[in-house]
């Protein structure tokens, strides 16, 4: 009969007296089972039993891992979905998933809660002191910062984010020269020009539109000009450089599989192209400085510092520091480009939406800007930027109120004592919550209130230890002042050049993870502002 394949070789997909399914792999397995005297029903029964046993074992394993010394359980879901845990919820609605984790953590002291992702236990930590403690470990035998599963594929294994120990300390020490007052003043002139060029284009389209992509383009152009601008002087190279960078960013939002045609594959290829361009830029920057010329961008400032370090090593009869090679300079510049993109873009979008929602704050910003900059068309200097006390307060409060990077994941490579009652089990993925820490200590913390950062209240001083937007410990953001300046410059320029409105929707008060935190929507209409 057609339904039976009585003469087929079991390894070819059929079996004596067993109905073919039409699925080659399944028919092969059934055939193998039948050749061993096991029926299809028995195979299904065994598979179901094995699956059920694993699911039960997983539940018991998590329950044991949750148990504290006092007999209580770490708060979190009573049961997790076998194999997947909270994965589907996290992908479908990441904001609600992480908010629930924070809420669950609030019932313990210090605050922490558990869940699972793909069979791995995760622990969300909300206590500010414990968040600082965990981020400060940076020890490969105990705990290290981890990124996206595809991070090493996309960013490269030598990226700064994966470094620790003496080499990491040496390169961070070298970076100090990149953010001196002189260097920041040089960057200010470049930032000012890029912001104004993009703003002029935005004003040609007064209709309400989602601003996220426009802001991203502006921020990327700013990073390119500030970091390597003079060396992206070929328009075709610059255009491909930009496309490659977008491919890298998209790779972090894709499923972590690197096969030809996938987003991660394109991201890796994008990084390889950017790396080659940056190697050429680093070599040109070194020649520029050797010729006695002044630094014009961040790559120039670093080339100057690296050449000094090489000369010092030669005088002492030592090999040059490893980070001073053209290869390693290019690697580090990828980190700068990446670190300056998503977080700053998110904060710039929040700047537009929060000012539209708080016109009283915007009015105070404008008053300060008109007083300090009677000619709004004149370029902003580093000196004037330093006098913008209230505008800087607004930016600091924005970064506290809506920290762009909500957490800094860490991997526990050994059991870690979180408190007297509980040790984090080895293999746990730990999420110190930046957003939760930023809300601790500050009075009425869930209110956007720039005055808290002013000289009268000094909440930024009194609660400085809870302000973790820029991280803590070995991976504290070295470009903090540059990032703040970018926001201050943007707000300064847009406040006097534009009037804008936000079109609110039922979701406007929610947040979106992309993977940094954005407003759920940023539908904004920009118009030229009449001269005052």
Protein backbone atom coordinates (compact mmCIF):
# COMPACT_ATOMS: atom_id res chain seq x y z
CA UNK A 1 0.00 0.00 0.00
CA UNK A 2 1.13 3.57 -0.60
CA UNK A 3 1.03 4.34 3.12
CA UNK A 4 3.56 1.63 3.87
CA UNK A 5 7.18 1.45 2.86
CA UNK A 6 7.84 -2.20 3.62
CA UNK A 7 10.93 -2.62 1.47
CA UNK A 8 12.80 0.55 2.31
CA UNK A 9 16.18 0.57 4.00
CA UNK A 10 15.67 2.02 7.50
CA UNK A 11 18.59 4.41 6.93
CA UNK A 12 16.95 5.69 3.77
CA UNK A 13 13.97 7.04 5.64
CA UNK A 14 11.44 4.22 5.98
CA UNK A 15 10.89 1.04 8.00
CA UNK A 16 9.14 -2.23 7.69
CA UNK A 17 5.50 -1.82 8.60
CA UNK A 18 5.90 1.82 9.65
CA UNK A 19 4.08 4.69 7.97
CA UNK A 20 6.37 7.20 6.23
CA UNK A 21 5.92 10.76 7.40
CA UNK A 22 7.37 12.46 4.38
CA UNK A 23 9.92 14.22 6.58
CA UNK A 24 13.33 12.63 5.75
CA UNK A 25 15.01 13.28 9.11
CA UNK A 26 12.02 12.05 11.11
CA UNK A 27 11.62 9.00 8.88
CA UNK A 28 15.31 8.20 9.41
CA UNK A 29 14.98 8.42 13.21
CA UNK A 30 11.85 6.29 13.15
CA UNK A 31 13.63 3.82 10.88
CA UNK A 32 16.60 3.58 13.22
CA UNK A 33 14.28 3.03 16.15
CA UNK A 34 12.36 0.36 14.29
CA UNK A 35 15.53 -1.46 13.25
CA UNK A 36 16.37 -1.67 16.95
CA UNK A 37 12.90 -2.99 17.74
CA UNK A 38 11.57 0.35 19.02
CA UNK A 39 8.28 1.65 17.65
CA UNK A 40 7.57 5.25 16.67
CA UNK A 41 5.20 5.50 19.62
CA UNK A 42 7.95 4.38 21.97
CA UNK A 43 10.38 6.93 20.54
CA UNK A 44 7.81 9.66 21.05
CA UNK A 45 7.21 8.45 24.59
CA UNK A 46 10.94 8.41 25.38
CA UNK A 47 11.41 11.89 23.89
CA UNK A 48 8.46 13.23 25.89
CA UNK A 49 9.78 11.67 29.08
CA UNK A 50 13.26 13.10 28.49
CA UNK A 51 11.82 16.54 27.80
CA UNK A 52 9.66 16.40 30.91
CA UNK A 53 12.58 15.22 33.03
CA UNK A 54 14.76 18.06 31.80
CA UNK A 55 12.00 20.60 32.45
CA UNK A 56 11.55 19.27 35.99
CA UNK A 57 15.32 19.26 36.60
CA UNK A 58 15.54 22.86 35.36
CA UNK A 59 12.81 23.99 37.76
CA UNK A 60 14.54 22.23 40.67
CA UNK A 61 17.92 23.65 39.68
CA UNK A 62 16.62 27.20 39.68
CA UNK A 63 14.80 26.68 42.95
CA UNK A 64 18.00 25.48 44.59
CA UNK A 65 19.96 28.38 43.07
CA UNK A 66 17.39 30.82 44.47
CA UNK A 67 17.57 29.55 48.03
CA UNK A 68 19.21 31.90 50.51
CA UNK A 69 20.91 30.94 53.77
CA UNK A 70 17.87 32.07 55.74
CA UNK A 71 15.69 29.62 53.79
CA UNK A 72 13.88 32.28 51.77
CA UNK A 73 13.88 32.32 47.97
CA UNK A 74 15.24 35.07 45.76
CA UNK A 75 12.12 36.80 44.35
CA UNK A 76 11.13 36.11 40.79
CA UNK A 77 8.74 33.88 38.84
CA UNK A 78 7.61 30.82 40.78
CA UNK A 79 8.12 28.74 37.63
CA UNK A 80 9.91 29.52 34.39
CA UNK A 81 9.04 28.36 30.90
CA UNK A 82 11.22 25.30 30.24
CA UNK A 83 14.21 25.91 27.98
CA UNK A 84 13.19 29.49 27.08
CA UNK A 85 12.61 31.10 30.46
CA UNK A 86 11.56 34.73 29.99
CA UNK A 87 13.05 35.00 26.49
CA UNK A 88 9.82 35.47 24.58
CA UNK A 89 8.55 38.13 26.96
CA UNK A 90 11.89 39.93 26.89
CA UNK A 91 11.95 40.01 23.09
CA UNK A 92 8.28 40.97 22.68
CA UNK A 93 8.14 43.58 25.44
CA UNK A 94 11.59 44.25 26.93
CA UNK A 95 10.45 47.34 28.83
CA UNK A 96 7.78 45.45 30.79
CA UNK A 97 10.10 42.46 31.33
CA UNK A 98 12.86 44.52 32.95
CA UNK A 99 10.41 46.68 34.90
CA UNK A 100 8.94 43.53 36.44
CA UNK A 101 12.42 42.34 37.34
CA UNK A 102 13.10 45.66 39.09
CA UNK A 103 9.76 45.58 40.89
CA UNK A 104 10.42 42.04 42.11
CA UNK A 105 13.83 43.10 43.40
CA UNK A 106 12.33 45.85 45.55
CA UNK A 107 11.07 43.35 48.13
CA UNK A 108 14.61 42.40 49.23
CA UNK A 109 17.46 44.34 50.75
CA UNK A 110 19.77 44.67 48.94
CA UNK A 111 17.45 44.52 45.95
CA UNK A 112 17.82 41.59 43.59
CA UNK A 113 15.52 39.23 41.67
CA UNK A 114 15.91 36.24 39.37
CA UNK A 115 14.63 34.90 36.07
CA UNK A 116 16.05 32.71 33.32
CA UNK A 117 16.93 33.11 29.65
CA UNK A 118 17.57 30.05 27.48
CA UNK A 119 18.16 27.88 30.52
CA UNK A 120 20.64 30.32 32.12
CA UNK A 121 19.86 31.95 35.45
CA UNK A 122 19.85 35.76 35.41
CA UNK A 123 19.93 38.06 38.42
CA UNK A 124 18.79 41.68 38.31
CA UNK A 125 20.42 43.84 40.99
CA UNK A 126 18.87 47.22 41.84
CA UNK A 127 20.73 48.34 44.96
CA UNK A 128 23.10 51.18 43.99
CA UNK A 129 25.90 50.11 46.34
CA UNK A 130 25.79 46.55 45.05
CA UNK A 131 25.66 47.75 41.42
CA UNK A 132 28.89 49.69 41.98
CA UNK A 133 30.48 46.73 43.72
CA UNK A 134 29.64 44.32 40.89
CA UNK A 135 30.82 46.67 38.13
CA UNK A 136 34.12 47.18 39.96
CA UNK A 137 35.11 43.48 40.06
CA UNK A 138 36.50 43.12 36.48
CA UNK A 139 38.31 39.87 37.36
CA UNK A 140 38.33 36.96 34.86
CA UNK A 141 38.34 34.45 37.70
CA UNK A 142 35.33 36.05 39.44
CA UNK A 143 33.22 38.38 37.29
CA UNK A 144 33.57 40.27 34.02
CA UNK A 145 31.41 42.57 31.95
CA UNK A 146 29.71 40.81 29.03
CA UNK A 147 27.95 42.18 25.99
CA UNK A 148 25.69 40.82 23.28
CA UNK A 149 26.38 37.17 22.26
CA UNK A 150 27.64 38.49 18.91
CA UNK A 151 29.74 41.28 20.44
CA UNK A 152 33.15 39.72 19.81
CA UNK A 153 32.15 38.82 16.26
CA UNK A 154 30.96 42.35 15.55
CA UNK A 155 33.43 44.46 17.56
CA UNK A 156 36.46 42.18 17.36
CA UNK A 157 38.13 40.21 20.14
CA UNK A 158 40.60 43.03 20.91
CA UNK A 159 37.90 45.59 21.63
CA UNK A 160 38.32 47.63 24.80
CA UNK A 161 35.09 46.20 26.25
CA UNK A 162 36.73 42.76 26.57
CA UNK A 163 39.99 43.93 28.15
CA UNK A 164 41.09 43.72 31.77
CA UNK A 165 44.29 43.75 33.81
CA UNK A 166 47.49 45.80 33.20
CA UNK A 167 46.98 46.17 29.46
CA UNK A 168 43.52 47.62 30.04
CA UNK A 169 44.85 50.06 32.65
CA UNK A 170 47.66 51.18 30.32
CA UNK A 171 45.38 51.96 27.40
CA UNK A 172 42.87 53.82 29.59
CA UNK A 173 45.74 55.91 30.98
CA UNK A 174 46.70 56.77 27.41
CA UNK A 175 43.11 57.86 26.72
CA UNK A 176 43.30 60.63 29.33
CA UNK A 177 45.12 62.82 26.80
CA UNK A 178 42.15 62.59 24.43
CA UNK A 179 39.79 64.47 26.75
CA UNK A 180 41.86 67.36 28.09
CA UNK A 181 40.43 70.87 28.00
CA UNK A 182 42.41 71.62 24.83
CA UNK A 183 41.17 68.46 23.10
CA UNK A 184 37.55 69.02 24.13
CA UNK A 185 37.74 72.61 22.88
CA UNK A 186 38.93 71.33 19.49
CA UNK A 187 36.06 68.85 19.36
CA UNK A 188 33.56 71.57 20.31
CA UNK A 189 34.22 73.43 17.07
CA UNK A 190 33.66 70.28 15.03
CA UNK A 191 30.52 69.30 16.95
CA UNK A 192 29.03 72.76 16.52
CA UNK A 193 29.46 72.63 12.74
CA UNK A 194 27.88 69.20 12.30
CA UNK A 195 24.89 69.99 14.53
CA UNK A 196 24.14 73.21 12.62
CA UNK A 197 24.40 71.51 9.20
CA UNK A 198 21.96 68.78 10.16
CA UNK A 199 19.60 71.18 11.91
CA UNK A 200 19.38 73.25 8.72
CA UNK A 201 18.24 70.13 6.84
CA UNK A 202 15.70 69.21 9.53
CA UNK A 203 14.11 72.64 9.31
CA UNK A 204 13.33 72.06 5.63
CA UNK A 205 10.82 69.38 6.71
CA UNK A 206 8.42 70.98 9.23
CA UNK A 207 5.93 68.09 9.34
CA UNK A 208 5.70 65.81 12.36
CA UNK A 209 8.06 62.87 11.96
CA UNK A 210 9.91 60.30 14.02
CA UNK A 211 13.23 61.95 14.85
CA UNK A 212 15.24 58.89 15.86
CA UNK A 213 16.88 58.25 12.46
CA UNK A 214 17.60 61.93 11.85
CA UNK A 215 19.31 62.24 15.22
CA UNK A 216 21.25 59.02 14.63
CA UNK A 217 22.59 60.36 11.32
CA UNK A 218 23.63 63.63 12.95
CA UNK A 219 25.33 61.87 15.83
CA UNK A 220 27.19 59.49 13.56
CA UNK A 221 28.44 62.37 11.41
CA UNK A 222 29.59 64.14 14.57
CA UNK A 223 31.52 61.08 15.77
CA UNK A 224 33.19 60.65 12.39
CA UNK A 225 34.25 64.31 12.19
CA UNK A 226 35.49 64.46 15.77
CA UNK A 227 37.32 61.14 15.81
CA UNK A 228 38.76 60.77 12.31
CA UNK A 229 37.25 63.57 10.21
CA UNK A 230 40.30 64.76 8.23
CA UNK A 231 41.06 61.18 7.22
CA UNK A 232 37.60 60.41 5.82
CA UNK A 233 38.32 62.78 2.96
CA UNK A 234 37.21 60.44 0.17
CA UNK A 235 33.40 60.78 -0.22
CA UNK A 236 33.00 57.21 -1.43
CA UNK A 237 35.03 55.82 1.47
CA UNK A 238 33.06 57.94 3.93
CA UNK A 239 29.74 56.77 2.48
CA UNK A 240 30.75 53.10 2.69
CA UNK A 241 32.17 53.73 6.18
CA UNK A 242 28.76 55.03 7.28
CA UNK A 243 26.89 52.09 5.72
CA UNK A 244 29.29 49.66 7.36
CA UNK A 245 28.74 51.27 10.71
CA UNK A 246 24.97 51.01 10.37
CA UNK A 247 25.44 47.32 9.53
CA UNK A 248 27.41 46.87 12.77
CA UNK A 249 24.64 48.51 14.77
CA UNK A 250 21.96 46.40 13.09
CA UNK A 251 23.94 43.26 13.95
CA UNK A 252 23.32 43.88 17.65
CA UNK A 253 19.57 43.81 17.08
CA UNK A 254 19.65 40.50 15.20
CA UNK A 255 19.61 36.86 16.20
CA UNK A 256 23.21 35.89 17.13
CA UNK A 257 24.06 33.65 14.18
CA UNK A 258 26.95 34.57 11.89
CA UNK A 259 26.24 32.89 8.56
CA UNK A 260 26.51 34.37 5.05
CA UNK A 261 23.59 36.70 4.43
CA UNK A 262 22.68 37.22 8.11
CA UNK A 263 22.75 40.60 9.84
CA UNK A 264 25.64 39.49 12.06
CA UNK A 265 27.61 38.43 8.98
CA UNK A 266 27.05 41.85 7.42
CA UNK A 267 28.01 43.48 10.73
CA UNK A 268 31.28 41.54 10.81
CA UNK A 269 32.07 42.51 7.22
CA UNK A 270 31.25 46.12 8.09
CA UNK A 271 33.67 46.06 11.01
CA UNK A 272 36.42 44.59 8.83
CA UNK A 273 36.02 47.42 6.32
CA UNK A 274 35.96 50.09 9.05
CA UNK A 275 39.03 48.53 10.63
CA UNK A 276 41.02 48.84 7.38
CA UNK A 277 39.96 52.47 6.95
CA UNK A 278 40.92 53.28 10.55
CA UNK A 279 44.35 51.66 10.17
CA UNK A 280 45.06 54.01 7.28
CA UNK A 281 43.73 56.93 9.33
CA UNK A 282 45.96 56.04 12.29
CA UNK A 283 49.04 55.87 10.05
CA UNK A 284 48.19 59.23 8.45
CA UNK A 285 47.61 60.81 11.86
CA UNK A 286 51.04 59.70 13.04
CA UNK A 287 52.65 61.24 9.97
CA UNK A 288 50.67 64.44 10.53
CA UNK A 289 51.96 64.75 14.10
CA UNK A 290 55.54 63.78 13.15
CA UNK A 291 55.48 66.66 10.67
CA UNK A 292 54.97 69.04 13.60
CA UNK A 293 51.32 69.83 12.84
CA UNK A 294 48.68 70.53 15.48
CA UNK A 295 46.02 67.90 16.31
CA UNK A 296 42.75 68.39 14.44
CA UNK A 297 40.72 65.42 15.70
CA UNK A 298 40.75 62.73 18.36
CA UNK A 299 42.91 60.40 16.22
CA UNK A 300 45.53 63.16 16.00
CA UNK A 301 45.55 63.68 19.77
CA UNK A 302 46.00 59.97 20.32
CA UNK A 303 48.69 59.67 17.66
CA UNK A 304 50.53 62.44 19.51
CA UNK A 305 50.23 60.58 22.81
CA UNK A 306 51.25 57.22 21.31
CA UNK A 307 54.35 58.72 19.71
CA UNK A 308 55.29 60.21 23.09
CA UNK A 309 54.82 56.80 24.75
CA UNK A 310 56.94 55.09 22.08
CA UNK A 311 59.75 57.63 22.59
CA UNK A 312 59.60 57.20 26.37
CA UNK A 313 59.81 53.42 26.03
CA UNK A 314 62.82 53.70 23.69
CA UNK A 315 64.63 55.94 26.21
CA UNK A 316 64.09 53.30 28.89
CA UNK A 317 65.13 50.45 26.61
CA UNK A 318 61.63 48.97 26.72
CA UNK A 319 59.34 47.78 23.91
CA UNK A 320 56.60 50.23 22.98
CA UNK A 321 53.22 49.76 24.70
CA UNK A 322 51.04 47.31 22.79
CA UNK A 323 48.26 49.86 22.25
CA UNK A 324 50.55 52.20 20.27
CA UNK A 325 50.56 50.10 17.07
CA UNK A 326 48.46 51.23 14.13
CA UNK A 327 46.53 47.96 14.40
CA UNK A 328 45.57 48.49 18.05
CA UNK A 329 44.82 52.18 17.52
CA UNK A 330 42.28 51.18 14.86
CA UNK A 331 40.77 48.59 17.21
CA UNK A 332 40.33 51.18 19.96
CA UNK A 333 38.83 53.71 17.57
CA UNK A 334 36.09 51.21 16.70
CA UNK A 335 35.24 51.15 20.40
CA UNK A 336 35.04 54.97 20.51
CA UNK A 337 32.82 55.09 17.44
CA UNK A 338 30.50 52.43 18.81
CA UNK A 339 30.39 53.81 22.37
CA UNK A 340 29.59 57.32 21.13
CA UNK A 341 26.71 56.25 18.92
CA UNK A 342 23.71 54.51 20.46
CA UNK A 343 23.86 55.96 23.97
CA UNK A 344 24.32 59.56 22.82
CA UNK A 345 21.71 59.19 20.09
CA UNK A 346 19.15 58.02 22.64
CA UNK A 347 19.96 60.95 24.95
CA UNK A 348 19.69 63.46 22.11
CA UNK A 349 16.23 62.12 21.25
CA UNK A 350 15.23 62.40 24.92
CA UNK A 351 16.48 65.97 24.82
CA UNK A 352 13.95 66.86 22.13
CA UNK A 353 11.02 65.06 23.73
CA UNK A 354 11.65 66.17 27.32
CA UNK A 355 12.03 69.81 26.32
CA UNK A 356 8.80 69.61 24.34
CA UNK A 357 7.10 68.12 27.42
CA UNK A 358 8.67 70.68 29.82
CA UNK A 359 8.41 74.13 28.16
CA UNK A 360 9.24 75.84 31.49
CA UNK A 361 12.65 74.15 31.50
CA UNK A 362 13.22 75.04 27.84
CA UNK A 363 12.40 78.69 28.61
CA UNK A 364 15.14 78.78 31.26
CA UNK A 365 17.62 77.22 28.83
CA UNK A 366 16.78 79.88 26.26
CA UNK A 367 17.20 82.67 28.78
CA UNK A 368 20.70 81.43 29.63
CA UNK A 369 21.63 80.97 25.98
CA UNK A 370 20.46 84.46 24.99
CA UNK A 371 22.49 85.93 27.83
CA UNK A 372 25.68 84.03 26.99
CA UNK A 373 25.27 84.03 23.20
CA UNK A 374 23.76 87.28 21.94
CA UNK A 375 24.67 86.15 18.41
CA UNK A 376 23.16 82.64 18.14
CA UNK A 377 24.82 82.08 14.75
CA UNK A 378 28.34 82.44 16.17
CA UNK A 379 30.21 79.20 16.85
CA UNK A 380 30.22 78.12 20.47
CA UNK A 381 33.66 78.09 22.05
CA UNK A 382 34.91 75.88 24.84
CA UNK A 383 34.95 78.87 27.17
CA UNK A 384 31.31 79.77 26.55
CA UNK A 385 30.33 76.11 26.82
CA UNK A 386 31.84 76.02 30.29
CA UNK A 387 29.63 78.90 31.44
CA UNK A 388 26.34 77.18 30.58
CA UNK A 389 25.50 76.20 34.15
CA UNK A 390 21.74 75.71 33.79
CA UNK A 391 21.91 73.98 30.41
CA UNK A 392 24.43 71.58 31.91
CA UNK A 393 22.06 70.97 34.85
CA UNK A 394 19.35 69.98 32.38
CA UNK A 395 21.67 67.56 30.63
CA UNK A 396 22.81 65.95 33.89
CA UNK A 397 19.22 65.50 35.02
CA UNK A 398 18.28 64.04 31.63
CA UNK A 399 21.10 61.50 31.97
CA UNK A 400 19.95 60.58 35.48
CA UNK A 401 16.26 60.46 34.65
CA UNK A 402 16.66 58.48 31.42
CA UNK A 403 20.03 56.74 31.47
CA UNK A 404 20.49 55.44 27.91
CA UNK A 405 22.19 52.17 28.90
CA UNK A 406 19.77 50.60 31.40
CA UNK A 407 22.17 47.93 32.72
CA UNK A 408 25.75 46.66 32.49
CA UNK A 409 25.66 42.83 32.24
CA UNK A 410 28.27 40.82 34.15
CA UNK A 411 29.05 37.09 34.05
CA UNK A 412 29.81 35.31 37.34
CA UNK A 413 32.72 32.93 36.72
CA UNK A 414 32.69 31.83 40.37
CA UNK A 415 30.19 31.97 43.22
CA UNK A 416 30.03 35.60 44.36
CA UNK A 417 28.84 36.66 47.86
CA UNK A 418 26.22 39.31 47.18
CA UNK A 419 25.10 39.53 50.81
CA UNK A 420 25.34 37.58 54.05
CA UNK A 421 22.25 35.58 53.03
CA UNK A 422 22.98 34.95 49.36
CA UNK A 423 25.84 34.11 46.99
CA UNK A 424 25.37 34.45 43.24
CA UNK A 425 25.85 30.97 41.72
CA UNK A 426 28.65 30.42 39.22
CA UNK A 427 27.44 30.83 35.65
CA UNK A 428 24.76 33.40 36.51
CA UNK A 429 24.28 36.36 34.19
CA UNK A 430 24.07 39.41 36.46
CA UNK A 431 22.40 42.69 35.48
CA UNK A 432 23.28 45.68 37.70
CA UNK A 433 20.44 48.12 36.96
CA UNK A 434 21.67 51.63 36.13
CA UNK A 435 18.11 52.93 35.90
CA UNK A 436 17.23 51.63 39.36
CA UNK A 437 20.41 53.03 40.94
CA UNK A 438 19.80 56.47 39.41
CA UNK A 439 16.44 56.65 41.17
CA UNK A 440 17.85 56.01 44.65
CA UNK A 441 18.53 58.79 47.13
CA UNK A 442 17.27 61.60 44.92
CA UNK A 443 14.07 63.17 46.36
CA UNK A 444 11.02 62.69 44.14
CA UNK A 445 13.33 60.75 41.85
CA UNK A 446 10.74 59.93 39.17
CA UNK A 447 10.23 63.61 38.43
CA UNK A 448 12.30 65.38 35.77
CA UNK A 449 13.71 68.28 37.78
CA UNK A 450 16.94 69.97 36.58
CA UNK A 451 16.97 72.24 39.65
CA UNK A 452 18.07 69.26 41.75
CA UNK A 453 21.46 69.52 40.00
CA UNK A 454 21.86 73.21 40.83
CA UNK A 455 24.14 74.90 43.39
CA UNK A 456 21.31 75.33 45.92
CA UNK A 457 20.23 71.69 46.22
CA UNK A 458 23.43 69.95 45.04
CA UNK A 459 21.73 66.58 44.74
CA UNK A 460 24.31 65.58 42.15
CA UNK A 461 26.94 65.97 44.88
CA UNK A 462 24.97 64.50 47.78
CA UNK A 463 23.92 61.42 45.79
CA UNK A 464 26.87 61.16 43.41
CA UNK A 465 27.48 57.51 44.29
CA UNK A 466 24.01 56.58 42.94
CA UNK A 467 24.49 58.37 39.60
CA UNK A 468 25.78 55.45 37.53
CA UNK A 469 24.89 56.53 33.99
CA UNK A 470 28.55 56.43 32.97
CA UNK A 471 29.26 53.17 34.76
CA UNK A 472 31.73 52.50 37.52
CA UNK A 473 35.13 50.91 38.02
CA UNK A 474 37.48 49.72 35.30
CA UNK A 475 34.98 50.36 32.50
CA UNK A 476 33.88 53.82 33.62
CA UNK A 477 33.22 55.90 30.50
CA UNK A 478 36.43 57.77 29.59
CA UNK A 479 34.49 59.96 27.15
CA UNK A 480 32.03 61.24 29.76
CA UNK A 481 32.84 64.93 29.28
CA UNK A 482 32.71 64.64 25.50
CA UNK A 483 29.28 62.98 25.70
CA UNK A 484 27.95 65.66 28.05
CA UNK A 485 29.33 68.41 25.81
CA UNK A 486 27.57 66.89 22.80
CA UNK A 487 24.24 67.15 24.61
CA UNK A 488 24.91 70.65 25.95
CA UNK A 489 25.92 71.88 22.50
CA UNK A 490 22.88 70.32 20.85
CA UNK A 491 20.45 71.77 23.37
CA UNK A 492 22.16 75.18 23.22
CA UNK A 493 21.92 75.40 19.43
CA UNK A 494 18.47 73.88 18.92
CA UNK A 495 16.93 76.01 21.72
CA UNK A 496 17.70 79.28 19.92
CA UNK A 497 17.36 78.08 16.33
CA UNK A 498 14.08 76.17 16.60
CA UNK A 499 10.56 76.01 17.89
CA UNK A 500 9.29 72.46 18.20
CA UNK A 501 6.26 70.49 19.24
CA UNK A 502 5.80 66.85 20.10
CA UNK A 503 2.82 64.89 18.84
CA UNK A 504 1.91 62.70 21.75
CA UNK A 505 0.35 59.24 21.45
CA UNK A 506 -1.03 56.81 24.07
CA UNK A 507 2.47 55.27 24.22
CA UNK A 508 4.49 58.48 24.51
CA UNK A 509 5.24 57.98 28.19
CA UNK A 510 6.63 54.50 27.61
CA UNK A 511 10.19 53.54 26.70
CA UNK A 512 11.62 51.40 23.92
CA UNK A 513 14.77 49.25 24.09
CA UNK A 514 16.80 49.58 20.84
CA UNK A 515 19.01 48.33 22.67
CA UNK A 516 19.59 51.62 24.48
CA UNK A 517 16.49 53.29 25.92
CA UNK A 518 14.51 55.66 23.68
CA UNK A 519 11.13 57.31 24.05
CA UNK A 520 8.52 54.93 22.65
CA UNK A 521 7.87 57.59 20.03
CA UNK A 522 9.49 60.93 19.19
CA UNK A 523 7.09 62.51 16.70
CA UNK A 524 8.38 66.08 16.50
CA UNK A 525 7.75 69.09 14.27
CA UNK A 526 10.63 71.59 14.00
CA UNK A 527 10.28 75.16 12.71
CA UNK A 528 12.73 78.06 12.50
CA UNK A 529 12.55 80.31 15.55
CA UNK A 530 11.93 83.98 15.00
CA UNK A 531 14.80 86.27 15.97
CA UNK A 532 14.41 87.51 19.54
